Structures are given as C-alpha cells and as structure tokens.
Protein backbone atom coordinates (compact mmCIF):
# COMPACT_ATOMS: atom_id res chain seq x y z
CA MET A 1 -11.96 -3.30 -1.09
CA LYS A 2 -10.11 -1.56 1.71
CA TYR A 3 -6.50 -2.65 2.14
CA LEU A 4 -4.30 -2.08 5.16
CA LEU A 5 -0.79 -1.09 4.02
CA ILE A 6 2.03 -2.68 6.02
CA ASP A 7 5.76 -1.95 5.70
CA THR A 8 8.37 -4.71 5.64
CA HIS A 9 8.84 -4.33 9.40
CA LYS A 10 5.15 -5.29 9.92
CA ARG A 11 4.12 -1.72 10.85
CA PRO A 12 0.84 -0.26 9.53
CA ILE A 13 1.52 2.76 7.31
CA GLY A 14 -1.92 3.58 5.93
CA THR A 15 -4.92 2.32 4.02
CA LEU A 16 -5.88 2.04 0.38
CA VAL A 17 -9.37 1.76 -1.08
CA SER A 18 -9.38 0.14 -4.51
CA ASP A 19 -11.49 -2.22 -6.61
CA LYS A 20 -8.32 -3.75 -8.05
CA ALA A 21 -7.04 -7.12 -6.83
CA TYR A 22 -3.30 -6.70 -6.24
CA ALA A 23 -0.53 -9.24 -6.74
CA VAL A 24 3.12 -9.28 -5.70
CA GLY A 25 5.06 -6.95 -7.99
CA ASP A 26 2.16 -4.56 -8.68
CA THR A 27 2.76 -0.86 -8.18
CA PHE A 28 0.30 1.90 -7.32
CA GLN A 29 0.29 5.61 -6.54
CA GLY A 30 -0.60 6.49 -2.95
CA GLN A 31 -2.51 9.56 -1.81
CA ASP A 32 0.79 10.95 -0.49
CA ALA A 33 2.27 11.04 -4.05
CA GLY A 34 4.44 8.03 -3.26
CA THR A 35 4.75 5.04 -5.56
CA TYR A 36 4.42 1.72 -3.72
CA THR A 37 5.38 -1.79 -4.78
CA VAL A 38 3.50 -4.78 -3.37
CA VAL A 39 5.92 -7.33 -1.89
CA GLY A 40 3.41 -9.47 0.02
CA LEU A 41 -0.28 -10.27 0.40
CA ASN A 42 -1.69 -11.08 3.81
CA TRP A 43 -5.23 -12.31 4.42
CA PHE A 44 -6.58 -11.99 7.95
CA GLN A 45 -7.73 -15.32 9.37
CA GLN A 46 -10.41 -13.67 11.52
CA ARG A 47 -11.83 -11.53 8.70
CA PRO A 48 -11.48 -13.34 5.36
CA HIS A 49 -12.72 -10.31 3.39
CA SER A 50 -9.98 -8.07 4.79
CA GLN A 51 -6.55 -7.99 3.26
CA SER A 52 -3.31 -6.22 3.98
CA LEU A 53 -0.59 -5.48 1.48
CA THR A 54 3.06 -5.51 2.48
CA VAL A 55 4.57 -2.67 0.47
CA ILE A 56 7.78 -0.75 -0.02
CA LEU A 57 7.90 2.91 -0.92
CA GLN A 58 9.55 2.98 -4.33
CA ALA A 59 9.61 6.74 -4.94
CA HIS A 60 8.23 9.81 -3.28
CA ALA A 61 7.55 12.93 -5.31
CA LYS A 62 9.06 16.12 -3.90
CA VAL A 63 6.70 19.01 -3.51
CA THR A 64 8.28 22.42 -3.64
CA ALA A 65 6.44 25.63 -2.88
CA LYS A 66 6.92 28.59 -5.18
CA ALA A 67 6.41 32.08 -3.80
C-alpha cells in the first residue's frame, strides 16, 4: 500500500510504500534515514483504499562525509 505522510501541521512530507498495516504508536525508518512515529491514521473518503499517516520525525541520522 502507498501511504501519504503528513506532518502534524497537515502538510504532506512524502510517501511510503509498505505492505504493513500501521497503527498509532508504530515507528518506521524512512528513506531519508529518519525514524518516524505514527500519531494518526487518516482514510480518504473519496478513495477508501488510500491512507495517509500523520507522523512526527523522531530522529534523523547525521551523515558526515569523510575525505
């Protein structure tokens, strides 16, 4: 399933493709090396097979370049 990721201010921040069904409190690793926590589930009335997840960024890994 493809999820639309929404921040707590109702702004889209990306997408996630996963076979897992998420629940409030679940965490997952994003493609940007950030760890997200699900704080809300939102089903679209117009498209019942589409879902958005309201998430907060819990941690973001720092990437440092070495010469």
